[in-house]
């Protein structure tokens, strides 16, 4: 039975946070975490982690006290619960790696309990502004691409990273379907191609002279677009349409909300369209959508249903 020498543990704890985080990212890539997840962790290291510690200092400077003090400061500053909860989740993932590899002495990291807020959606008035087709004779290519992108997001409920990985050949005009190769759950799915989106994409592919193996929404040089670029271009488009940008994934929230509001209450179908691996995830998602259930509840309320039947029978008997 091997014995771990104390000197080896001490040497590990002398390593910098930067050095260990690089190893952590390589580990995350090796176990197959999604590209979007890896990019998010890179952003966390670049912008969030330096708010707690100097990343060039020893890993031993990342203490429980510093983490808790930063959470308190975020709460006092009025940050949303989702924001600082996500911060702790990402910190805990990195710290767990450090604990398991003996870079740092283990301490407890608790995820803050928060009240989940309803998800934002785009209103019908905002969508009408965003979906007004630009004048193809006068508009810039970027303006047209942003308009098509918003059509795609609203019609499919796709995540941003899914959208950025769609190829032209993934849109099957004959079968009226779209293949999503890149999903958060590492599982490819096929979703329906709506008639309106089909018309929009046929024209778009032809006008931009896209080849089957091209990305559907690339940069102008036809290389893959980064999330930050996508966010920036859609944000600019929204500003020009006098609509407040609420986020790329807000189109996903809007898709799910309108799916239900338009009369389709099939949660299992919605699960497949959203690409959720577990139906419980879809249930939690629906609970956070800004849905007004009063009319549906009254429509199916047992007392109201029975009262309606009783009144109908009485009317029939009085004839």
C-alpha atoms as a PDB file:
ATOM      1  CA  UNK A   1       0.000   0.000   0.000  1.00  0.00           C
ATOM      2  CA  UNK A   2       1.510   3.311  -1.141  1.00  0.00           C
ATOM      3  CA  UNK A   3       1.993   6.160   1.270  1.00  0.00           C
ATOM      4  CA  UNK A   4       1.586   9.731   0.042  1.00  0.00           C
ATOM      5  CA  UNK A   5       4.490  11.865   1.224  1.00  0.00           C
ATOM      6  CA  UNK A   6       3.584  15.124   2.915  1.00  0.00           C
ATOM      7  CA  UNK A   7       6.179  16.978   0.832  1.00  0.00           C
ATOM      8  CA  UNK A   8       4.251  16.100  -2.367  1.00  0.00           C
ATOM      9  CA  UNK A   9       1.026  17.534  -0.928  1.00  0.00           C
ATOM     10  CA  UNK A  10       2.856  20.699   0.132  1.00  0.00           C
ATOM     11  CA  UNK A  11       4.372  21.106  -3.344  1.00  0.00           C
ATOM     12  CA  UNK A  12       0.917  20.792  -4.939  1.00  0.00           C
ATOM     13  CA  UNK A  13      -0.411  23.512  -2.646  1.00  0.00           C
ATOM     14  CA  UNK A  14       2.362  25.859  -3.793  1.00  0.00           C
ATOM     15  CA  UNK A  15       0.979  25.941  -7.348  1.00  0.00           C
ATOM     16  CA  UNK A  16      -0.763  29.041  -8.659  1.00  0.00           C
ATOM     17  CA  UNK A  17      -4.497  29.275  -9.262  1.00  0.00           C
ATOM     18  CA  UNK A  18      -3.795  29.989 -12.949  1.00  0.00           C
ATOM     19  CA  UNK A  19      -1.731  26.813 -13.355  1.00  0.00           C
ATOM     20  CA  UNK A  20      -4.318  24.640 -11.655  1.00  0.00           C
ATOM     21  CA  UNK A  21      -7.231  26.217 -13.553  1.00  0.00           C
ATOM     22  CA  UNK A  22      -5.512  25.359 -16.848  1.00  0.00           C
ATOM     23  CA  UNK A  23      -5.301  21.735 -15.695  1.00  0.00           C
ATOM     24  CA  UNK A  24      -8.945  21.916 -14.605  1.00  0.00           C
ATOM     25  CA  UNK A  25     -10.049  23.087 -18.083  1.00  0.00           C
ATOM     26  CA  UNK A  26      -8.099  20.260 -19.733  1.00  0.00           C
ATOM     27  CA  UNK A  27      -9.813  17.814 -17.366  1.00  0.00           C
ATOM     28  CA  UNK A  28     -13.255  19.225 -18.272  1.00  0.00           C
ATOM     29  CA  UNK A  29     -12.484  18.878 -21.982  1.00  0.00           C
ATOM     30  CA  UNK A  30     -11.199  15.315 -21.515  1.00  0.00           C
ATOM     31  CA  UNK A  31     -14.440  14.156 -19.862  1.00  0.00           C
ATOM     32  CA  UNK A  32     -16.507  15.510 -22.768  1.00  0.00           C
ATOM     33  CA  UNK A  33     -18.075  18.666 -21.369  1.00  0.00           C
ATOM     34  CA  UNK A  34     -19.837  20.765 -24.011  1.00  0.00           C
ATOM     35  CA  UNK A  35     -18.015  23.533 -25.867  1.00  0.00           C
ATOM     36  CA  UNK A  36     -20.410  26.108 -24.422  1.00  0.00           C
ATOM     37  CA  UNK A  37     -19.681  24.874 -20.894  1.00  0.00           C
ATOM     38  CA  UNK A  38     -15.926  25.127 -21.473  1.00  0.00           C
ATOM     39  CA  UNK A  39     -16.277  28.649 -22.882  1.00  0.00           C
ATOM     40  CA  UNK A  40     -18.371  29.625 -19.861  1.00  0.00           C
ATOM     41  CA  UNK A  41     -15.635  28.343 -17.531  1.00  0.00           C
ATOM     42  CA  UNK A  42     -13.011  30.314 -19.445  1.00  0.00           C
ATOM     43  CA  UNK A  43     -15.129  33.441 -19.040  1.00  0.00           C
ATOM     44  CA  UNK A  44     -15.464  32.694 -15.332  1.00  0.00           C
ATOM     45  CA  UNK A  45     -11.677  32.523 -14.963  1.00  0.00           C
ATOM     46  CA  UNK A  46     -11.132  35.682 -16.985  1.00  0.00           C
ATOM     47  CA  UNK A  47     -13.764  37.934 -15.429  1.00  0.00           C
ATOM     48  CA  UNK A  48     -15.225  36.483 -12.221  1.00  0.00           C
ATOM     49  CA  UNK A  49     -12.495  34.601 -10.347  1.00  0.00           C
ATOM     50  CA  UNK A  50     -10.135  37.637 -10.191  1.00  0.00           C
ATOM     51  CA  UNK A  51     -12.803  39.407  -8.104  1.00  0.00           C
ATOM     52  CA  UNK A  52     -12.030  36.981  -5.252  1.00  0.00           C
ATOM     53  CA  UNK A  53      -8.345  36.185  -5.634  1.00  0.00           C
ATOM     54  CA  UNK A  54      -5.228  37.043  -7.587  1.00  0.00           C
ATOM     55  CA  UNK A  55      -5.059  34.136 -10.040  1.00  0.00           C
ATOM     56  CA  UNK A  56      -1.251  34.263 -10.033  1.00  0.00           C
ATOM     57  CA  UNK A  57      -1.142  33.659  -6.287  1.00  0.00           C
ATOM     58  CA  UNK A  58      -0.938  30.263  -4.596  1.00  0.00           C
ATOM     59  CA  UNK A  59      -4.064  28.118  -4.577  1.00  0.00           C
ATOM     60  CA  UNK A  60      -3.972  28.306  -0.768  1.00  0.00           C
ATOM     61  CA  UNK A  61      -5.156  31.923  -1.005  1.00  0.00           C
ATOM     62  CA  UNK A  62      -8.542  30.723  -2.275  1.00  0.00           C
ATOM     63  CA  UNK A  63     -10.209  30.372   1.117  1.00  0.00           C
ATOM     64  CA  UNK A  64     -13.749  29.760   2.316  1.00  0.00           C
ATOM     65  CA  UNK A  65     -13.687  33.173   4.007  1.00  0.00           C
ATOM     66  CA  UNK A  66     -12.895  34.987   0.732  1.00  0.00           C
ATOM     67  CA  UNK A  67     -15.636  33.126  -1.120  1.00  0.00           C
ATOM     68  CA  UNK A  68     -18.253  33.887   1.533  1.00  0.00           C
ATOM     69  CA  UNK A  69     -17.215  37.557   1.759  1.00  0.00           C
ATOM     70  CA  UNK A  70     -17.612  37.926  -1.996  1.00  0.00           C
ATOM     71  CA  UNK A  71     -21.090  36.353  -1.932  1.00  0.00           C
ATOM     72  CA  UNK A  72     -22.114  38.766   0.833  1.00  0.00           C
ATOM     73  CA  UNK A  73     -20.785  41.728  -1.155  1.00  0.00           C
ATOM     74  CA  UNK A  74     -22.783  40.636  -4.231  1.00  0.00           C
ATOM     75  CA  UNK A  75     -25.965  40.342  -2.197  1.00  0.00           C
ATOM     76  CA  UNK A  76     -25.423  43.775  -0.647  1.00  0.00           C
ATOM     77  CA  UNK A  77     -24.811  45.225  -4.109  1.00  0.00           C
ATOM     78  CA  UNK A  78     -28.226  43.938  -5.192  1.00  0.00           C
ATOM     79  CA  UNK A  79     -27.129  41.257  -7.657  1.00  0.00           C
ATOM     80  CA  UNK A  80     -29.881  38.844  -8.680  1.00  0.00           C
ATOM     81  CA  UNK A  81     -29.980  35.511  -6.858  1.00  0.00           C
ATOM     82  CA  UNK A  82     -29.374  33.586 -10.071  1.00  0.00           C
ATOM     83  CA  UNK A  83     -26.178  35.583 -10.640  1.00  0.00           C
ATOM     84  CA  UNK A  84     -24.438  34.853  -7.360  1.00  0.00           C
ATOM     85  CA  UNK A  85     -25.807  31.306  -7.212  1.00  0.00           C
ATOM     86  CA  UNK A  86     -24.223  30.579 -10.617  1.00  0.00           C
ATOM     87  CA  UNK A  87     -21.008  32.169  -9.358  1.00  0.00           C
ATOM     88  CA  UNK A  88     -20.896  29.760  -6.398  1.00  0.00           C
ATOM     89  CA  UNK A  89     -21.765  26.743  -8.573  1.00  0.00           C
ATOM     90  CA  UNK A  90     -18.831  27.493 -10.883  1.00  0.00           C
ATOM     91  CA  UNK A  91     -16.519  28.165  -7.945  1.00  0.00           C
ATOM     92  CA  UNK A  92     -17.551  24.899  -6.301  1.00  0.00           C
ATOM     93  CA  UNK A  93     -16.870  22.904  -9.480  1.00  0.00           C
ATOM     94  CA  UNK A  94     -13.309  24.255  -9.620  1.00  0.00           C
ATOM     95  CA  UNK A  95     -12.758  23.849  -5.880  1.00  0.00           C
ATOM     96  CA  UNK A  96     -13.989  20.237  -5.978  1.00  0.00           C
ATOM     97  CA  UNK A  97     -11.345  19.528  -8.609  1.00  0.00           C
ATOM     98  CA  UNK A  98      -8.747  21.133  -6.316  1.00  0.00           C
ATOM     99  CA  UNK A  99      -9.902  19.092  -3.313  1.00  0.00           C
ATOM    100  CA  UNK A 100      -9.927  15.807  -5.236  1.00  0.00           C
ATOM    101  CA  UNK A 101      -6.404  16.384  -6.550  1.00  0.00           C
ATOM    102  CA  UNK A 102      -5.038  17.547  -3.198  1.00  0.00           C
ATOM    103  CA  UNK A 103      -4.210  21.051  -4.397  1.00  0.00           C
ATOM    104  CA  UNK A 104      -6.207  22.510  -1.540  1.00  0.00           C
ATOM    105  CA  UNK A 105      -7.426  21.373   1.870  1.00  0.00           C
ATOM    106  CA  UNK A 106     -11.129  20.585   1.630  1.00  0.00           C
ATOM    107  CA  UNK A 107     -13.755  22.950   3.034  1.00  0.00           C
ATOM    108  CA  UNK A 108     -17.537  23.033   2.676  1.00  0.00           C
ATOM    109  CA  UNK A 109     -19.035  25.069  -0.162  1.00  0.00           C
ATOM    110  CA  UNK A 110     -22.798  25.556   0.084  1.00  0.00           C
ATOM    111  CA  UNK A 111     -24.903  26.632  -2.891  1.00  0.00           C
ATOM    112  CA  UNK A 112     -27.059  29.630  -1.809  1.00  0.00           C
ATOM    113  CA  UNK A 113     -30.779  29.059  -1.634  1.00  0.00           C
ATOM    114  CA  UNK A 114     -32.620  31.623  -3.736  1.00  0.00           C
ATOM    115  CA  UNK A 115     -36.139  32.394  -4.886  1.00  0.00           C
ATOM    116  CA  UNK A 116     -36.346  31.565  -8.579  1.00  0.00           C
ATOM    117  CA  UNK A 117     -37.657  34.474 -10.637  1.00  0.00           C
ATOM    118  CA  UNK A 118     -39.942  34.097 -13.608  1.00  0.00           C
ATOM    119  CA  UNK A 119     -38.082  33.997 -16.910  1.00  0.00           C
ATOM    120  CA  UNK A 120     -38.195  37.012 -19.209  1.00  0.00           C
ATOM    121  CA  UNK A 121     -39.861  36.756 -22.603  1.00  0.00           C
ATOM    122  CA  UNK A 122     -40.316  39.092 -25.548  1.00  0.00           C
ATOM    123  CA  UNK A 123     -43.806  40.585 -25.781  1.00  0.00           C
ATOM    124  CA  UNK A 124     -45.980  40.297 -28.877  1.00  0.00           C
ATOM    125  CA  UNK A 125     -45.431  44.005 -29.569  1.00  0.00           C
ATOM    126  CA  UNK A 126     -41.636  43.548 -29.360  1.00  0.00           C
ATOM    127  CA  UNK A 127     -41.749  40.486 -31.606  1.00  0.00           C
ATOM    128  CA  UNK A 128     -43.725  42.349 -34.270  1.00  0.00           C
ATOM    129  CA  UNK A 129     -40.980  44.991 -34.348  1.00  0.00           C
ATOM    130  CA  UNK A 130     -38.203  42.387 -34.489  1.00  0.00           C
ATOM    131  CA  UNK A 131     -39.877  40.243 -37.153  1.00  0.00           C
ATOM    132  CA  UNK A 132     -40.548  43.062 -39.600  1.00  0.00           C
ATOM    133  CA  UNK A 133     -38.544  42.086 -42.648  1.00  0.00           C
ATOM    134  CA  UNK A 134     -35.796  44.550 -43.642  1.00  0.00           C
ATOM    135  CA  UNK A 135     -35.702  46.038 -47.127  1.00  0.00           C
ATOM    136  CA  UNK A 136     -33.389  43.658 -48.984  1.00  0.00           C
ATOM    137  CA  UNK A 137     -32.531  46.338 -51.558  1.00  0.00           C
ATOM    138  CA  UNK A 138     -31.113  48.747 -48.978  1.00  0.00           C
ATOM    139  CA  UNK A 139     -30.181  46.836 -45.800  1.00  0.00           C
ATOM    140  CA  UNK A 140     -26.719  45.574 -44.881  1.00  0.00           C
ATOM    141  CA  UNK A 141     -25.945  41.831 -44.903  1.00  0.00           C
ATOM    142  CA  UNK A 142     -25.513  41.843 -41.122  1.00  0.00           C
ATOM    143  CA  UNK A 143     -28.963  43.377 -40.628  1.00  0.00           C
ATOM    144  CA  UNK A 144     -30.564  40.700 -42.791  1.00  0.00           C
ATOM    145  CA  UNK A 145     -28.658  37.885 -41.036  1.00  0.00           C
ATOM    146  CA  UNK A 146     -29.779  39.170 -37.622  1.00  0.00           C
ATOM    147  CA  UNK A 147     -33.396  39.172 -38.795  1.00  0.00           C
ATOM    148  CA  UNK A 148     -33.104  35.594 -40.074  1.00  0.00           C
ATOM    149  CA  UNK A 149     -31.372  34.546 -36.842  1.00  0.00           C
ATOM    150  CA  UNK A 150     -34.244  35.877 -34.741  1.00  0.00           C
ATOM    151  CA  UNK A 151     -36.738  34.034 -36.964  1.00  0.00           C
ATOM    152  CA  UNK A 152     -34.751  30.830 -36.394  1.00  0.00           C
ATOM    153  CA  UNK A 153     -34.514  31.293 -32.613  1.00  0.00           C
ATOM    154  CA  UNK A 154     -38.214  32.021 -32.225  1.00  0.00           C
ATOM    155  CA  UNK A 155     -39.282  29.145 -34.502  1.00  0.00           C
ATOM    156  CA  UNK A 156     -37.092  26.481 -32.878  1.00  0.00           C
ATOM    157  CA  UNK A 157     -36.314  27.520 -29.291  1.00  0.00           C
ATOM    158  CA  UNK A 158     -32.667  26.622 -29.963  1.00  0.00           C
ATOM    159  CA  UNK A 159     -29.903  27.535 -27.530  1.00  0.00           C
ATOM    160  CA  UNK A 160     -27.290  29.946 -28.849  1.00  0.00           C
ATOM    161  CA  UNK A 161     -24.547  27.304 -29.026  1.00  0.00           C
ATOM    162  CA  UNK A 162     -26.886  24.952 -30.897  1.00  0.00           C
ATOM    163  CA  UNK A 163     -27.691  27.667 -33.434  1.00  0.00           C
ATOM    164  CA  UNK A 164     -24.003  28.490 -33.999  1.00  0.00           C
ATOM    165  CA  UNK A 165     -23.264  24.857 -34.913  1.00  0.00           C
ATOM    166  CA  UNK A 166     -26.086  24.273 -37.420  1.00  0.00           C
ATOM    167  CA  UNK A 167     -24.879  23.517 -40.952  1.00  0.00           C
ATOM    168  CA  UNK A 168     -26.819  24.396 -44.094  1.00  0.00           C
ATOM    169  CA  UNK A 169     -27.236  20.688 -44.873  1.00  0.00           C
ATOM    170  CA  UNK A 170     -28.817  20.155 -41.441  1.00  0.00           C
ATOM    171  CA  UNK A 171     -31.889  21.982 -42.752  1.00  0.00           C
ATOM    172  CA  UNK A 172     -33.825  19.337 -44.666  1.00  0.00           C
ATOM    173  CA  UNK A 173     -36.326  21.168 -46.860  1.00  0.00           C
ATOM    174  CA  UNK A 174     -37.695  17.910 -48.275  1.00  0.00           C
ATOM    175  CA  UNK A 175     -38.417  16.351 -44.877  1.00  0.00           C
ATOM    176  CA  UNK A 176     -39.352  19.716 -43.290  1.00  0.00           C
ATOM    177  CA  UNK A 177     -36.928  19.196 -40.428  1.00  0.00           C
ATOM    178  CA  UNK A 178     -33.739  20.576 -38.850  1.00  0.00           C
ATOM    179  CA  UNK A 179     -30.986  18.467 -37.312  1.00  0.00           C
ATOM    180  CA  UNK A 180     -29.458  19.908 -34.140  1.00  0.00           C
ATOM    181  CA  UNK A 181     -25.991  18.355 -33.940  1.00  0.00           C
ATOM    182  CA  UNK A 182     -24.758  20.268 -30.920  1.00  0.00           C
ATOM    183  CA  UNK A 183     -26.914  19.923 -27.825  1.00  0.00           C
ATOM    184  CA  UNK A 184     -26.204  20.583 -24.157  1.00  0.00           C
ATOM    185  CA  UNK A 185     -27.221  17.004 -23.329  1.00  0.00           C
ATOM    186  CA  UNK A 186     -24.737  15.610 -25.940  1.00  0.00           C
ATOM    187  CA  UNK A 187     -27.597  14.101 -27.914  1.00  0.00           C
ATOM    188  CA  UNK A 188     -28.545  15.063 -31.453  1.00  0.00           C
ATOM    189  CA  UNK A 189     -32.210  15.783 -32.097  1.00  0.00           C
ATOM    190  CA  UNK A 190     -34.374  16.588 -35.106  1.00  0.00           C
ATOM    191  CA  UNK A 191     -36.993  19.328 -34.826  1.00  0.00           C
ATOM    192  CA  UNK A 192     -39.755  20.361 -37.254  1.00  0.00           C
ATOM    193  CA  UNK A 193     -39.108  23.073 -39.834  1.00  0.00           C
ATOM    194  CA  UNK A 194     -42.090  25.436 -39.722  1.00  0.00           C
ATOM    195  CA  UNK A 195     -43.545  26.703 -43.036  1.00  0.00           C
ATOM    196  CA  UNK A 196     -42.632  30.330 -42.250  1.00  0.00           C
ATOM    197  CA  UNK A 197     -39.074  29.467 -41.278  1.00  0.00           C
ATOM    198  CA  UNK A 198     -38.745  27.279 -44.379  1.00  0.00           C
ATOM    199  CA  UNK A 199     -39.599  30.244 -46.597  1.00  0.00           C
ATOM    200  CA  UNK A 200     -37.166  32.512 -44.691  1.00  0.00           C
ATOM    201  CA  UNK A 201     -34.286  30.006 -44.845  1.00  0.00           C
ATOM    202  CA  UNK A 202     -34.740  29.078 -48.515  1.00  0.00           C
ATOM    203  CA  UNK A 203     -34.398  32.734 -49.474  1.00  0.00           C
ATOM    204  CA  UNK A 204     -31.522  33.290 -47.014  1.00  0.00           C
ATOM    205  CA  UNK A 205     -29.426  30.345 -48.243  1.00  0.00           C
ATOM    206  CA  UNK A 206     -29.921  31.408 -51.842  1.00  0.00           C
ATOM    207  CA  UNK A 207     -29.144  35.098 -51.296  1.00  0.00           C
ATOM    208  CA  UNK A 208     -25.989  34.421 -49.267  1.00  0.00           C
ATOM    209  CA  UNK A 209     -24.911  31.657 -51.670  1.00  0.00           C
ATOM    210  CA  UNK A 210     -24.293  29.194 -48.840  1.00  0.00           C
ATOM    211  CA  UNK A 211     -23.005  25.677 -49.570  1.00  0.00           C
ATOM    212  CA  UNK A 212     -24.358  22.542 -47.819  1.00  0.00           C
ATOM    213  CA  UNK A 213     -21.235  22.172 -45.630  1.00  0.00           C
ATOM    214  CA  UNK A 214     -21.230  25.854 -44.618  1.00  0.00           C
ATOM    215  CA  UNK A 215     -22.390  26.959 -41.198  1.00  0.00           C
ATOM    216  CA  UNK A 216     -25.895  28.390 -41.404  1.00  0.00           C
ATOM    217  CA  UNK A 217     -25.018  31.431 -39.285  1.00  0.00           C
ATOM    218  CA  UNK A 218     -21.295  32.104 -39.734  1.00  0.00           C
ATOM    219  CA  UNK A 219     -19.285  35.310 -39.593  1.00  0.00           C
ATOM    220  CA  UNK A 220     -18.942  37.253 -42.849  1.00  0.00           C
ATOM    221  CA  UNK A 221     -15.826  35.186 -43.662  1.00  0.00           C
ATOM    222  CA  UNK A 222     -17.974  32.035 -43.195  1.00  0.00           C
ATOM    223  CA  UNK A 223     -16.017  30.944 -40.109  1.00  0.00           C
ATOM    224  CA  UNK A 224     -17.761  30.027 -36.847  1.00  0.00           C
ATOM    225  CA  UNK A 225     -19.186  32.943 -34.911  1.00  0.00           C
ATOM    226  CA  UNK A 226     -18.511  33.246 -31.177  1.00  0.00           C
ATOM    227  CA  UNK A 227     -21.318  33.738 -28.665  1.00  0.00           C
ATOM    228  CA  UNK A 228     -20.115  37.242 -27.775  1.00  0.00           C
ATOM    229  CA  UNK A 229     -20.300  38.262 -31.446  1.00  0.00           C
ATOM    230  CA  UNK A 230     -23.797  36.790 -31.774  1.00  0.00           C
ATOM    231  CA  UNK A 231     -24.931  38.624 -28.640  1.00  0.00           C
ATOM    232  CA  UNK A 232     -23.441  41.895 -29.869  1.00  0.00           C
ATOM    233  CA  UNK A 233     -25.044  41.700 -33.313  1.00  0.00           C
ATOM    234  CA  UNK A 234     -28.505  40.776 -31.985  1.00  0.00           C
ATOM    235  CA  UNK A 235     -28.230  43.472 -29.332  1.00  0.00           C
ATOM    236  CA  UNK A 236     -27.478  46.039 -32.049  1.00  0.00           C
ATOM    237  CA  UNK A 237     -30.397  44.791 -34.145  1.00  0.00           C
ATOM    238  CA  UNK A 238     -32.760  45.088 -31.157  1.00  0.00           C
ATOM    239  CA  UNK A 239     -31.607  48.652 -30.466  1.00  0.00           C
ATOM    240  CA  UNK A 240     -32.276  49.657 -34.054  1.00  0.00           C
ATOM    241  CA  UNK A 241     -35.773  48.198 -33.703  1.00  0.00           C
ATOM    242  CA  UNK A 242     -36.338  50.039 -30.378  1.00  0.00           C
ATOM    243  CA  UNK A 243     -36.570  46.789 -28.424  1.00  0.00           C
ATOM    244  CA  UNK A 244     -34.682  46.196 -25.169  1.00  0.00           C
ATOM    245  CA  UNK A 245     -32.341  43.223 -25.552  1.00  0.00           C
ATOM    246  CA  UNK A 246     -33.187  40.639 -22.871  1.00  0.00           C
ATOM    247  CA  UNK A 247     -30.720  37.971 -23.937  1.00  0.00           C
ATOM    248  CA  UNK A 248     -30.334  35.390 -26.696  1.00  0.00           C
ATOM    249  CA  UNK A 249     -31.893  32.596 -24.646  1.00  0.00           C
ATOM    250  CA  UNK A 250     -34.934  34.791 -23.968  1.00  0.00           C
ATOM    251  CA  UNK A 251     -36.098  33.742 -27.445  1.00  0.00           C
ATOM    252  CA  UNK A 252     -36.032  30.163 -26.106  1.00  0.00           C
ATOM    253  CA  UNK A 253     -38.188  31.219 -23.152  1.00  0.00           C
ATOM    254  CA  UNK A 254     -40.540  33.012 -25.552  1.00  0.00           C
ATOM    255  CA  UNK A 255     -40.770  29.941 -27.791  1.00  0.00           C
ATOM    256  CA  UNK A 256     -41.746  27.704 -24.849  1.00  0.00           C
ATOM    257  CA  UNK A 257     -44.238  30.231 -23.461  1.00  0.00           C
ATOM    258  CA  UNK A 258     -46.018  30.770 -26.782  1.00  0.00           C
ATOM    259  CA  UNK A 259     -45.959  27.015 -27.454  1.00  0.00           C
ATOM    260  CA  UNK A 260     -48.156  26.559 -24.374  1.00  0.00           C
ATOM    261  CA  UNK A 261     -50.187  29.751 -24.742  1.00  0.00           C
ATOM    262  CA  UNK A 262     -51.073  28.797 -28.311  1.00  0.00           C
ATOM    263  CA  UNK A 263     -52.888  25.754 -26.957  1.00  0.00           C
ATOM    264  CA  UNK A 264     -50.341  22.909 -27.000  1.00  0.00           C
ATOM    265  CA  UNK A 265     -50.061  21.499 -23.477  1.00  0.00           C
ATOM    266  CA  UNK A 266     -48.084  18.384 -24.472  1.00  0.00           C
ATOM    267  CA  UNK A 267     -45.169  18.649 -22.035  1.00  0.00           C
ATOM    268  CA  UNK A 268     -43.458  15.593 -23.537  1.00  0.00           C
ATOM    269  CA  UNK A 269     -43.430  17.187 -26.976  1.00  0.00           C
ATOM    270  CA  UNK A 270     -42.061  20.405 -25.473  1.00  0.00           C
ATOM    271  CA  UNK A 271     -39.352  18.359 -23.732  1.00  0.00           C
ATOM    272  CA  UNK A 272     -38.225  16.951 -27.090  1.00  0.00           C
ATOM    273  CA  UNK A 273     -38.301  20.327 -28.812  1.00  0.00           C
ATOM    274  CA  UNK A 274     -36.231  21.934 -26.041  1.00  0.00           C
ATOM    275  CA  UNK A 275     -33.821  18.990 -25.974  1.00  0.00           C
ATOM    276  CA  UNK A 276     -34.211  18.361 -22.235  1.00  0.00           C
ATOM    277  CA  UNK A 277     -32.788  15.024 -21.128  1.00  0.00           C
ATOM    278  CA  UNK A 278     -35.222  14.730 -18.205  1.00  0.00           C
ATOM    279  CA  UNK A 279     -38.939  15.594 -18.086  1.00  0.00           C
ATOM    280  CA  UNK A 280     -38.387  17.086 -14.624  1.00  0.00           C
ATOM    281  CA  UNK A 281     -36.165  19.698 -16.221  1.00  0.00           C
ATOM    282  CA  UNK A 282     -39.033  20.680 -18.540  1.00  0.00           C
ATOM    283  CA  UNK A 283     -41.414  20.852 -15.579  1.00  0.00           C
ATOM    284  CA  UNK A 284     -39.059  23.207 -13.706  1.00  0.00           C
ATOM    285  CA  UNK A 285     -38.659  25.247 -16.884  1.00  0.00           C
ATOM    286  CA  UNK A 286     -42.421  25.621 -17.325  1.00  0.00           C
ATOM    287  CA  UNK A 287     -42.843  26.653 -13.689  1.00  0.00           C
ATOM    288  CA  UNK A 288     -40.519  29.610 -14.323  1.00  0.00           C
ATOM    289  CA  UNK A 289     -42.303  30.770 -17.474  1.00  0.00           C
ATOM    290  CA  UNK A 290     -44.592  33.827 -17.167  1.00  0.00           C
ATOM    291  CA  UNK A 291     -47.773  31.907 -17.931  1.00  0.00           C
ATOM    292  CA  UNK A 292     -51.234  33.061 -16.908  1.00  0.00           C
ATOM    293  CA  UNK A 293     -53.049  29.862 -15.942  1.00  0.00           C
ATOM    294  CA  UNK A 294     -56.277  31.378 -14.553  1.00  0.00           C
ATOM    295  CA  UNK A 295     -58.406  30.766 -17.643  1.00  0.00           C
ATOM    296  CA  UNK A 296     -57.176  27.176 -18.058  1.00  0.00           C
ATOM    297  CA  UNK A 297     -57.705  26.452 -14.350  1.00  0.00           C
ATOM    298  CA  UNK A 298     -61.243  27.788 -14.489  1.00  0.00           C
ATOM    299  CA  UNK A 299     -61.918  25.845 -17.681  1.00  0.00           C
ATOM    300  CA  UNK A 300     -60.989  22.536 -16.015  1.00  0.00           C
ATOM    301  CA  UNK A 301     -62.043  23.294 -12.432  1.00  0.00           C
ATOM    302  CA  UNK A 302     -64.102  20.269 -11.239  1.00  0.00           C
ATOM    303  CA  UNK A 303     -66.804  22.415  -9.600  1.00  0.00           C
ATOM    304  CA  UNK A 304     -67.227  24.582 -12.673  1.00  0.00           C
ATOM    305  CA  UNK A 305     -67.339  21.567 -15.001  1.00  0.00           C
ATOM    306  CA  UNK A 306     -69.979  19.814 -12.888  1.00  0.00           C
ATOM    307  CA  UNK A 307     -72.001  23.020 -12.478  1.00  0.00           C
ATOM    308  CA  UNK A 308     -71.960  23.518 -16.255  1.00  0.00           C
ATOM    309  CA  UNK A 309     -73.179  19.936 -16.769  1.00  0.00           C
ATOM    310  CA  UNK A 310     -75.924  20.405 -14.138  1.00  0.00           C
ATOM    311  CA  UNK A 311     -77.138  23.607 -15.772  1.00  0.00           C
ATOM    312  CA  UNK A 312     -77.146  21.919 -19.175  1.00  0.00           C
ATOM    313  CA  UNK A 313     -79.217  19.012 -17.831  1.00  0.00           C
ATOM    314  CA  UNK A 314     -81.679  21.375 -16.133  1.00  0.00           C
ATOM    315  CA  UNK A 315     -82.136  23.357 -19.321  1.00  0.00           C
ATOM    316  CA  UNK A 316     -82.747  20.136 -21.199  1.00  0.00           C
ATOM    317  CA  UNK A 317     -85.338  19.023 -18.652  1.00  0.00           C
ATOM    318  CA  UNK A 318     -87.254  22.283 -18.846  1.00  0.00           C
ATOM    319  CA  UNK A 319     -87.821  21.959 -22.545  1.00  0.00           C
END
